[in-house]
PDB file of N, CA and C in Angstrom:
ATOM      1  N   UNK A   1      81.544  90.102  69.130  1.00  0.00           N
ATOM      2  CA  UNK A   1      81.021  89.077  70.004  1.00  0.00           C
ATOM      3  C   UNK A   1      82.155  88.405  70.781  1.00  0.00           C
ATOM      4  N   UNK A   2      83.242  88.082  70.101  1.00  0.00           N
ATOM      5  CA  UNK A   2      84.378  87.433  70.752  1.00  0.00           C
ATOM      6  C   UNK A   2      84.981  88.347  71.815  1.00  0.00           C
ATOM      7  N   UNK A   3      85.044  89.652  71.519  1.00  0.00           N
ATOM      8  CA  UNK A   3      85.592  90.602  72.498  1.00  0.00           C
ATOM      9  C   UNK A   3      84.704  90.673  73.738  1.00  0.00           C
ATOM     10  N   UNK A   4      83.397  90.644  73.533  1.00  0.00           N
ATOM     11  CA  UNK A   4      82.465  90.669  74.666  1.00  0.00           C
ATOM     12  C   UNK A   4      82.599  89.408  75.503  1.00  0.00           C
ATOM     13  N   UNK A   5      82.730  88.261  74.853  1.00  0.00           N
ATOM     14  CA  UNK A   5      82.917  87.000  75.583  1.00  0.00           C
ATOM     15  C   UNK A   5      84.208  87.023  76.387  1.00  0.00           C
ATOM     16  N   UNK A   6      85.277  87.528  75.781  1.00  0.00           N
ATOM     17  CA  UNK A   6      86.561  87.606  76.483  1.00  0.00           C
ATOM     18  C   UNK A   6      86.470  88.557  77.676  1.00  0.00           C
ATOM     19  N   UNK A   7      85.765  89.650  77.515  1.00  0.00           N
ATOM     20  CA  UNK A   7      85.581  90.599  78.616  1.00  0.00           C
ATOM     21  C   UNK A   7      84.824  89.950  79.757  1.00  0.00           C
ATOM     22  N   UNK A   8      83.766  89.206  79.445  1.00  0.00           N
ATOM     23  CA  UNK A   8      83.006  88.495  80.483  1.00  0.00           C
ATOM     24  C   UNK A   8      83.893  87.487  81.198  1.00  0.00           C
ATOM     25  N   UNK A   9      84.690  86.745  80.457  1.00  0.00           N
ATOM     26  CA  UNK A   9      85.592  85.765  81.084  1.00  0.00           C
ATOM     27  C   UNK A   9      86.618  86.454  81.990  1.00  0.00           C
ATOM     28  N   UNK A  10      87.125  87.605  81.560  1.00  0.00           N
ATOM     29  CA  UNK A  10      88.087  88.345  82.368  1.00  0.00           C
ATOM     30  C   UNK A  10      87.432  88.831  83.654  1.00  0.00           C
ATOM     31  N   UNK A  11      86.208  89.336  83.564  1.00  0.00           N
ATOM     32  CA  UNK A  11      85.494  89.801  84.758  1.00  0.00           C
ATOM     33  C   UNK A  11      85.243  88.634  85.702  1.00  0.00           C
ATOM     34  N   UNK A  12      84.830  87.494  85.149  1.00  0.00           N
ATOM     35  CA  UNK A  12      84.615  86.296  85.976  1.00  0.00           C
ATOM     36  C   UNK A  12      85.900  85.920  86.713  1.00  0.00           C
ATOM     37  N   UNK A  13      87.019  85.911  86.003  1.00  0.00           N
ATOM     38  CA  UNK A  13      88.317  85.576  86.600  1.00  0.00           C
ATOM     39  C   UNK A  13      88.675  86.565  87.703  1.00  0.00           C
ATOM     40  N   UNK A  14      88.476  87.852  87.411  1.00  0.00           N
ATOM     41  CA  UNK A  14      88.803  88.883  88.396  1.00  0.00           C
ATOM     42  C   UNK A  14      87.951  88.731  89.653  1.00  0.00           C
ATOM     43  N   UNK A  15      86.676  88.448  89.470  1.00  0.00           N
ATOM     44  CA  UNK A  15      85.806  88.246  90.632  1.00  0.00           C
ATOM     45  C   UNK A  15      86.247  87.032  91.434  1.00  0.00           C
ATOM     46  N   UNK A  16      86.569  85.958  90.725  1.00  0.00           N
ATOM     47  CA  UNK A  16      86.968  84.726  91.406  1.00  0.00           C
ATOM     48  C   UNK A  16      88.311  84.898  92.111  1.00  0.00           C
ATOM     49  N   UNK A  17      89.275  85.425  91.412  1.00  0.00           N
ATOM     50  CA  UNK A  17      90.625  85.514  91.956  1.00  0.00           C
ATOM     51  C   UNK A  17      90.795  86.660  92.947  1.00  0.00           C
ATOM     52  N   UNK A  18      89.938  87.656  92.877  1.00  0.00           N
ATOM     53  CA  UNK A  18      90.072  88.819  93.752  1.00  0.00           C
ATOM     54  C   UNK A  18      89.083  88.812  94.896  1.00  0.00           C
ATOM     55  N   UNK A  19      87.900  89.295  94.618  1.00  0.00           N
ATOM     56  CA  UNK A  19      86.905  89.505  95.663  1.00  0.00           C
ATOM     57  C   UNK A  19      86.504  88.209  96.361  1.00  0.00           C
ATOM     58  N   UNK A  20      86.289  87.143  95.616  1.00  0.00           N
ATOM     59  CA  UNK A  20      85.881  85.884  96.252  1.00  0.00           C
ATOM     60  C   UNK A  20      86.953  85.385  97.210  1.00  0.00           C
ATOM     61  N   UNK A  21      88.202  85.439  96.795  1.00  0.00           N
ATOM     62  CA  UNK A  21      89.274  84.957  97.653  1.00  0.00           C
ATOM     63  C   UNK A  21      89.404  85.797  98.914  1.00  0.00           C
ATOM     64  N   UNK A  22      89.191  87.099  98.793  1.00  0.00           N
ATOM     65  CA  UNK A  22      89.234  87.966  99.972  1.00  0.00           C
ATOM     66  C   UNK A  22      88.091  87.640 100.921  1.00  0.00           C
ATOM     67  N   UNK A  23      86.905  87.390 100.371  1.00  0.00           N
ATOM     68  CA  UNK A  23      85.764  87.032 101.220  1.00  0.00           C
ATOM     69  C   UNK A  23      85.991  85.697 101.921  1.00  0.00           C
ATOM     70  N   UNK A  24      86.555  84.737 101.227  1.00  0.00           N
ATOM     71  CA  UNK A  24      86.856  83.437 101.842  1.00  0.00           C
ATOM     72  C   UNK A  24      87.863  83.625 102.970  1.00  0.00           C
ATOM     73  N   UNK A  25      88.877  84.443 102.741  1.00  0.00           N
ATOM     74  CA  UNK A  25      89.885  84.712 103.766  1.00  0.00           C
ATOM     75  C   UNK A  25      89.251  85.376 104.992  1.00  0.00           C
ATOM     76  N   UNK A  26      88.377  86.351 104.761  1.00  0.00           N
ATOM     77  CA  UNK A  26      87.680  86.998 105.870  1.00  0.00           C
ATOM     78  C   UNK A  26      86.784  86.016 106.615  1.00  0.00           C
ATOM     79  N   UNK A  27      86.148  85.142 105.893  1.00  0.00           N
ATOM     80  CA  UNK A  27      85.285  84.139 106.505  1.00  0.00           C
ATOM     81  C   UNK A  27      86.087  83.211 107.412  1.00  0.00           C
ATOM     82  N   UNK A  28      87.259  82.798 106.945  1.00  0.00           N
ATOM     83  CA  UNK A  28      88.119  81.941 107.768  1.00  0.00           C
ATOM     84  C   UNK A  28      88.601  82.685 109.009  1.00  0.00           C
ATOM     85  N   UNK A  29      88.945  83.951 108.871  1.00  0.00           N
ATOM     86  CA  UNK A  29      89.375  84.755 110.020  1.00  0.00           C
ATOM     87  C   UNK A  29      88.230  84.914 111.020  1.00  0.00           C
ATOM     88  N   UNK A  30      87.028  85.082 110.514  1.00  0.00           N
ATOM     89  CA  UNK A  30      85.862  85.206 111.386  1.00  0.00           C
ATOM     90  C   UNK A  30      85.601  83.902 112.135  1.00  0.00           C
ATOM     91  N   UNK A  31      85.745  82.777 111.469  1.00  0.00           N
ATOM     92  CA  UNK A  31      85.597  81.483 112.143  1.00  0.00           C
ATOM     93  C   UNK A  31      86.630  81.328 113.249  1.00  0.00           C
ATOM     94  N   UNK A  32      87.863  81.740 112.981  1.00  0.00           N
ATOM     95  CA  UNK A  32      88.916  81.653 113.990  1.00  0.00           C
ATOM     96  C   UNK A  32      88.590  82.553 115.184  1.00  0.00           C
ATOM     97  N   UNK A  33      88.063  83.732 114.921  1.00  0.00           N
ATOM     98  CA  UNK A  33      87.683  84.649 116.001  1.00  0.00           C
ATOM     99  C   UNK A  33      86.560  84.052 116.838  1.00  0.00           C
ATOM    100  N   UNK A  34      85.583  83.441 116.176  1.00  0.00           N
ATOM    101  CA  UNK A  34      84.472  82.824 116.911  1.00  0.00           C
ATOM    102  C   UNK A  34      84.958  81.684 117.790  1.00  0.00           C
ATOM    103  N   UNK A  35      85.990  80.993 117.361  1.00  0.00           N
ATOM    104  CA  UNK A  35      86.504  79.843 118.111  1.00  0.00           C
ATOM    105  C   UNK A  35      87.124  80.253 119.444  1.00  0.00           C
ATOM    106  N   UNK A  36      87.574  81.493 119.565  1.00  0.00           N
ATOM    107  CA  UNK A  36      88.208  81.931 120.806  1.00  0.00           C
ATOM    108  C   UNK A  36      87.310  82.810 121.672  1.00  0.00           C
ATOM    109  N   UNK A  37      86.058  82.981 121.270  1.00  0.00           N
ATOM    110  CA  UNK A  37      85.122  83.764 122.081  1.00  0.00           C
ATOM    111  C   UNK A  37      84.772  82.954 123.333  1.00  0.00           C
ATOM    112  N   UNK A  38      85.025  83.509 124.510  1.00  0.00           N
ATOM    113  CA  UNK A  38      84.680  82.787 125.742  1.00  0.00           C
ATOM    114  C   UNK A  38      83.179  82.538 125.836  1.00  0.00           C
ATOM    115  N   UNK A  39      82.817  81.442 126.470  1.00  0.00           N
ATOM    116  CA  UNK A  39      81.400  81.054 126.546  1.00  0.00           C
ATOM    117  C   UNK A  39      80.550  82.110 127.241  1.00  0.00           C
ATOM    118  N   UNK A  40      81.126  82.883 128.171  1.00  0.00           N
ATOM    119  CA  UNK A  40      80.346  83.907 128.854  1.00  0.00           C
ATOM    120  C   UNK A  40      80.017  85.097 127.955  1.00  0.00           C
ATOM    121  N   UNK A  41      80.590  85.121 126.776  1.00  0.00           N
ATOM    122  CA  UNK A  41      80.293  86.184 125.804  1.00  0.00           C
ATOM    123  C   UNK A  41      79.422  85.638 124.673  1.00  0.00           C
ATOM    124  N   UNK A  42      78.394  84.915 125.038  1.00  0.00           N
ATOM    125  CA  UNK A  42      77.497  84.301 124.057  1.00  0.00           C
ATOM    126  C   UNK A  42      76.850  85.303 123.124  1.00  0.00           C
ATOM    127  N   UNK A  43      76.561  86.511 123.632  1.00  0.00           N
ATOM    128  CA  UNK A  43      75.950  87.539 122.791  1.00  0.00           C
ATOM    129  C   UNK A  43      76.904  87.952 121.667  1.00  0.00           C
ATOM    130  N   UNK A  44      78.182  88.060 121.986  1.00  0.00           N
ATOM    131  CA  UNK A  44      79.187  88.381 120.970  1.00  0.00           C
ATOM    132  C   UNK A  44      79.262  87.273 119.926  1.00  0.00           C
ATOM    133  N   UNK A  45      79.244  86.028 120.384  1.00  0.00           N
ATOM    134  CA  UNK A  45      79.279  84.909 119.435  1.00  0.00           C
ATOM    135  C   UNK A  45      78.051  84.943 118.532  1.00  0.00           C
ATOM    136  N   UNK A  46      76.906  85.307 119.075  1.00  0.00           N
ATOM    137  CA  UNK A  46      75.695  85.427 118.260  1.00  0.00           C
ATOM    138  C   UNK A  46      75.830  86.497 117.192  1.00  0.00           C
ATOM    139  N   UNK A  47      76.425  87.614 117.563  1.00  0.00           N
ATOM    140  CA  UNK A  47      76.649  88.685 116.590  1.00  0.00           C
ATOM    141  C   UNK A  47      77.636  88.246 115.515  1.00  0.00           C
ATOM    142  N   UNK A  48      78.686  87.561 115.940  1.00  0.00           N
ATOM    143  CA  UNK A  48      79.666  87.069 114.966  1.00  0.00           C
ATOM    144  C   UNK A  48      79.036  86.027 114.041  1.00  0.00           C
ATOM    145  N   UNK A  49      78.152  85.202 114.575  1.00  0.00           N
ATOM    146  CA  UNK A  49      77.451  84.211 113.749  1.00  0.00           C
ATOM    147  C   UNK A  49      76.581  84.913 112.706  1.00  0.00           C
ATOM    148  N   UNK A  50      75.933  86.006 113.113  1.00  0.00           N
ATOM    149  CA  UNK A  50      75.108  86.789 112.183  1.00  0.00           C
ATOM    150  C   UNK A  50      75.976  87.356 111.054  1.00  0.00           C
ATOM    151  N   UNK A  51      77.133  87.902 111.412  1.00  0.00           N
ATOM    152  CA  UNK A  51      78.046  88.447 110.406  1.00  0.00           C
ATOM    153  C   UNK A  51      78.537  87.326 109.481  1.00  0.00           C
ATOM    154  N   UNK A  52      78.845  86.164 110.055  1.00  0.00           N
ATOM    155  CA  UNK A  52      79.317  85.031 109.252  1.00  0.00           C
ATOM    156  C   UNK A  52      78.254  84.597 108.251  1.00  0.00           C
ATOM    157  N   UNK A  53      76.997  84.576 108.692  1.00  0.00           N
ATOM    158  CA  UNK A  53      75.903  84.195 107.787  1.00  0.00           C
ATOM    159  C   UNK A  53      75.787  85.211 106.645  1.00  0.00           C
ATOM    160  N   UNK A  54      75.870  86.495 106.968  1.00  0.00           N
ATOM    161  CA  UNK A  54      75.806  87.528 105.936  1.00  0.00           C
ATOM    162  C   UNK A  54      76.976  87.447 104.980  1.00  0.00           C
ATOM    163  N   UNK A  55      78.142  87.193 105.509  1.00  0.00           N
ATOM    164  CA  UNK A  55      79.334  87.043 104.675  1.00  0.00           C
ATOM    165  C   UNK A  55      79.185  85.854 103.730  1.00  0.00           C
ATOM    166  N   UNK A  56      78.645  84.756 104.239  1.00  0.00           N
ATOM    167  CA  UNK A  56      78.408  83.582 103.392  1.00  0.00           C
ATOM    168  C   UNK A  56      77.423  83.881 102.279  1.00  0.00           C
ATOM    169  N   UNK A  57      76.387  84.659 102.602  1.00  0.00           N
ATOM    170  CA  UNK A  57      75.392  85.021 101.596  1.00  0.00           C
ATOM    171  C   UNK A  57      75.998  85.898 100.502  1.00  0.00           C
ATOM    172  N   UNK A  58      76.814  86.850 100.902  1.00  0.00           N
ATOM    173  CA  UNK A  58      77.488  87.715  99.923  1.00  0.00           C
ATOM    174  C   UNK A  58      78.408  86.883  99.035  1.00  0.00           C
ATOM    175  N   UNK A  59      79.114  85.945  99.642  1.00  0.00           N
ATOM    176  CA  UNK A  59      80.012  85.089  98.871  1.00  0.00           C
ATOM    177  C   UNK A  59      79.230  84.258  97.850  1.00  0.00           C
ATOM    178  N   UNK A  60      78.086  83.717  98.260  1.00  0.00           N
ATOM    179  CA  UNK A  60      77.250  82.953  97.322  1.00  0.00           C
ATOM    180  C   UNK A  60      76.774  83.832  96.178  1.00  0.00           C
ATOM    181  N   UNK A  61      76.349  85.059  96.483  1.00  0.00           N
ATOM    182  CA  UNK A  61      75.909  85.985  95.439  1.00  0.00           C
ATOM    183  C   UNK A  61      77.043  86.287  94.465  1.00  0.00           C
ATOM    184  N   UNK A  62      78.215  86.524  95.007  1.00  0.00           N
ATOM    185  CA  UNK A  62      79.361  86.828  94.150  1.00  0.00           C
ATOM    186  C   UNK A  62      79.744  85.631  93.293  1.00  0.00           C
ATOM    187  N   UNK A  63      79.671  84.431  93.863  1.00  0.00           N
ATOM    188  CA  UNK A  63      79.971  83.227  93.087  1.00  0.00           C
ATOM    189  C   UNK A  63      78.972  83.067  91.947  1.00  0.00           C
ATOM    190  N   UNK A  64      77.717  83.369  92.211  1.00  0.00           N
ATOM    191  CA  UNK A  64      76.698  83.292  91.158  1.00  0.00           C
ATOM    192  C   UNK A  64      77.039  84.248  90.020  1.00  0.00           C
ATOM    193  N   UNK A  65      77.456  85.459  90.382  1.00  0.00           N
ATOM    194  CA  UNK A  65      77.827  86.433  89.350  1.00  0.00           C
ATOM    195  C   UNK A  65      79.062  85.970  88.591  1.00  0.00           C
ATOM    196  N   UNK A  66      80.034  85.427  89.306  1.00  0.00           N
ATOM    197  CA  UNK A  66      81.290  85.036  88.675  1.00  0.00           C
ATOM    198  C   UNK A  66      81.131  83.828  87.767  1.00  0.00           C
ATOM    199  N   UNK A  67      80.084  83.050  87.962  1.00  0.00           N
ATOM    200  CA  UNK A  67      79.897  81.855  87.126  1.00  0.00           C
ATOM    201  C   UNK A  67      79.521  82.191  85.693  1.00  0.00           C
ATOM    202  N   UNK A  68      79.133  83.397  85.446  1.00  0.00           N
ATOM    203  CA  UNK A  68      78.785  83.679  84.073  1.00  0.00           C
ATOM    204  C   UNK A  68      78.207  85.048  83.838  1.00  0.00           C
ATOM    205  N   UNK A  69      78.267  85.908  84.816  1.00  0.00           N
ATOM    206  CA  UNK A  69      77.724  87.247  84.724  1.00  0.00           C
ATOM    207  C   UNK A  69      76.215  87.212  84.493  1.00  0.00           C
ATOM    208  N   UNK A  70      75.739  86.171  83.959  1.00  0.00           N
ATOM    209  CA  UNK A  70      74.306  85.922  83.889  1.00  0.00           C
ATOM    210  C   UNK A  70      74.091  84.536  84.494  1.00  0.00           C
ATOM    211  N   UNK A  71      72.920  84.272  85.030  1.00  0.00           N
ATOM    212  CA  UNK A  71      72.720  82.964  85.661  1.00  0.00           C
ATOM    213  C   UNK A  71      73.011  81.816  84.704  1.00  0.00           C
ATOM    214  N   UNK A  72      73.707  80.798  85.189  1.00  0.00           N
ATOM    215  CA  UNK A  72      74.027  79.638  84.359  1.00  0.00           C
ATOM    216  C   UNK A  72      72.759  78.990  83.828  1.00  0.00           C
ATOM    217  N   UNK A  73      71.697  79.039  84.626  1.00  0.00           N
ATOM    218  CA  UNK A  73      70.444  78.420  84.188  1.00  0.00           C
ATOM    219  C   UNK A  73      69.884  79.120  82.951  1.00  0.00           C
ATOM    220  N   UNK A  74      70.230  80.390  82.756  1.00  0.00           N
ATOM    221  CA  UNK A  74      69.774  81.100  81.560  1.00  0.00           C
ATOM    222  C   UNK A  74      70.332  80.437  80.309  1.00  0.00           C
ATOM    223  N   UNK A  75      71.614  80.123  80.334  1.00  0.00           N
ATOM    224  CA  UNK A  75      72.237  79.469  79.175  1.00  0.00           C
ATOM    225  C   UNK A  75      71.741  78.040  79.017  1.00  0.00           C
ATOM    226  N   UNK A  76      71.489  77.366  80.148  1.00  0.00           N
ATOM    227  CA  UNK A  76      71.103  75.956  80.095  1.00  0.00           C
ATOM    228  C   UNK A  76      69.607  75.744  79.856  1.00  0.00           C
ATOM    229  N   UNK A  77      68.774  76.525  80.541  1.00  0.00           N
ATOM    230  CA  UNK A  77      67.343  76.259  80.487  1.00  0.00           C
ATOM    231  C   UNK A  77      66.509  77.307  79.782  1.00  0.00           C
ATOM    232  N   UNK A  78      67.095  78.460  79.539  1.00  0.00           N
ATOM    233  CA  UNK A  78      66.351  79.508  78.873  1.00  0.00           C
ATOM    234  C   UNK A  78      65.806  80.538  79.860  1.00  0.00           C
ATOM    235  N   UNK A  79      65.073  81.484  79.327  1.00  0.00           N
ATOM    236  CA  UNK A  79      64.586  82.618  80.093  1.00  0.00           C
ATOM    237  C   UNK A  79      63.577  82.229  81.172  1.00  0.00           C
ATOM    238  N   UNK A  80      62.644  81.353  80.856  1.00  0.00           N
ATOM    239  CA  UNK A  80      61.603  80.969  81.826  1.00  0.00           C
ATOM    240  C   UNK A  80      62.187  80.406  83.116  1.00  0.00           C
ATOM    241  N   UNK A  81      62.988  79.333  83.046  1.00  0.00           N
ATOM    242  CA  UNK A  81      63.587  78.796  84.265  1.00  0.00           C
ATOM    243  C   UNK A  81      64.485  79.806  84.988  1.00  0.00           C
ATOM    244  N   UNK A  82      65.204  80.639  84.232  1.00  0.00           N
ATOM    245  CA  UNK A  82      66.075  81.634  84.861  1.00  0.00           C
ATOM    246  C   UNK A  82      65.247  82.637  85.659  1.00  0.00           C
ATOM    247  N   UNK A  83      64.142  83.097  85.089  1.00  0.00           N
ATOM    248  CA  UNK A  83      63.282  84.044  85.801  1.00  0.00           C
ATOM    249  C   UNK A  83      62.648  83.410  87.035  1.00  0.00           C
ATOM    250  N   UNK A  84      62.233  82.151  86.932  1.00  0.00           N
ATOM    251  CA  UNK A  84      61.656  81.467  88.098  1.00  0.00           C
ATOM    252  C   UNK A  84      62.684  81.347  89.215  1.00  0.00           C
ATOM    253  N   UNK A  85      63.931  81.038  88.871  1.00  0.00           N
ATOM    254  CA  UNK A  85      64.993  80.936  89.866  1.00  0.00           C
ATOM    255  C   UNK A  85      65.227  82.286  90.539  1.00  0.00           C
ATOM    256  N   UNK A  86      65.298  83.340  89.747  1.00  0.00           N
ATOM    257  CA  UNK A  86      65.490  84.673  90.315  1.00  0.00           C
ATOM    258  C   UNK A  86      64.310  85.075  91.191  1.00  0.00           C
ATOM    259  N   UNK A  87      63.105  84.731  90.784  1.00  0.00           N
ATOM    260  CA  UNK A  87      61.912  85.060  91.578  1.00  0.00           C
ATOM    261  C   UNK A  87      61.946  84.355  92.929  1.00  0.00           C
ATOM    262  N   UNK A  88      62.367  83.101  92.944  1.00  0.00           N
ATOM    263  CA  UNK A  88      62.457  82.360  94.214  1.00  0.00           C
ATOM    264  C   UNK A  88      63.461  82.990  95.166  1.00  0.00           C
ATOM    265  N   UNK A  89      64.533  83.552  94.624  1.00  0.00           N
ATOM    266  CA  UNK A  89      65.591  84.143  95.450  1.00  0.00           C
ATOM    267  C   UNK A  89      65.288  85.579  95.859  1.00  0.00           C
ATOM    268  N   UNK A  90      64.320  86.179  95.244  1.00  0.00           N
ATOM    269  CA  UNK A  90      64.038  87.590  95.487  1.00  0.00           C
ATOM    270  C   UNK A  90      63.534  87.823  96.905  1.00  0.00           C
ATOM    271  N   UNK A  91      64.000  88.914  97.513  1.00  0.00           N
ATOM    272  CA  UNK A  91      63.502  89.286  98.836  1.00  0.00           C
ATOM    273  C   UNK A  91      62.162  90.012  98.727  1.00  0.00           C
ATOM    274  N   UNK A  92      61.802  90.387  97.518  1.00  0.00           N
ATOM    275  CA  UNK A  92      60.524  91.041  97.248  1.00  0.00           C
ATOM    276  C   UNK A  92      59.572  89.988  96.687  1.00  0.00           C
ATOM    277  N   UNK A  93      58.344  89.906  97.217  1.00  0.00           N
ATOM    278  CA  UNK A  93      57.399  88.921  96.684  1.00  0.00           C
ATOM    279  C   UNK A  93      57.183  89.105  95.180  1.00  0.00           C
ATOM    280  N   UNK A  94      57.171  87.984  94.459  1.00  0.00           N
ATOM    281  CA  UNK A  94      57.024  88.022  93.002  1.00  0.00           C
ATOM    282  C   UNK A  94      55.833  87.148  92.620  1.00  0.00           C
ATOM    283  N   UNK A  95      54.964  87.697  91.790  1.00  0.00           N
ATOM    284  CA  UNK A  95      53.799  86.967  91.295  1.00  0.00           C
ATOM    285  C   UNK A  95      53.968  86.706  89.816  1.00  0.00           C
ATOM    286  N   UNK A  96      53.620  85.500  89.355  1.00  0.00           N
ATOM    287  CA  UNK A  96      53.690  85.234  87.908  1.00  0.00           C
ATOM    288  C   UNK A  96      52.660  86.081  87.158  1.00  0.00           C
ATOM    289  N   UNK A  97      53.006  86.409  85.949  1.00  0.00           N
ATOM    290  CA  UNK A  97      52.105  87.191  85.108  1.00  0.00           C
ATOM    291  C   UNK A  97      50.930  86.320  84.677  1.00  0.00           C
ATOM    292  N   UNK A  98      49.714  86.888  84.619  1.00  0.00           N
ATOM    293  CA  UNK A  98      48.543  86.087  84.213  1.00  0.00           C
ATOM    294  C   UNK A  98      48.461  85.836  82.716  1.00  0.00           C
ATOM    295  N   UNK A  99      49.506  86.146  81.978  1.00  0.00           N
ATOM    296  CA  UNK A  99      49.466  85.953  80.511  1.00  0.00           C
ATOM    297  C   UNK A  99      49.350  84.532  80.134  1.00  0.00           C
TER     298      UNK A  99
END
């Protein structure tokens, strides 16, 4: 059990110190690029804004994973609240079971 916990902590650290930091750096570079887009290239700025939104979403997903490899709400609130949270975030419609 202790080895599994240590492995999870190491993965969390690696995600935080590696991939998350790279995504933050890319996000800052993208913001800088958007700042120099001339106003007559509004379509380009729109595309860059779309990429920035997607990058932010990926970063949020990665942060969620890095916080505990399982949702923090699972440890705090149990399975029911964790499943409801995941259902709300799902891109696929989710219906509660009639049980």
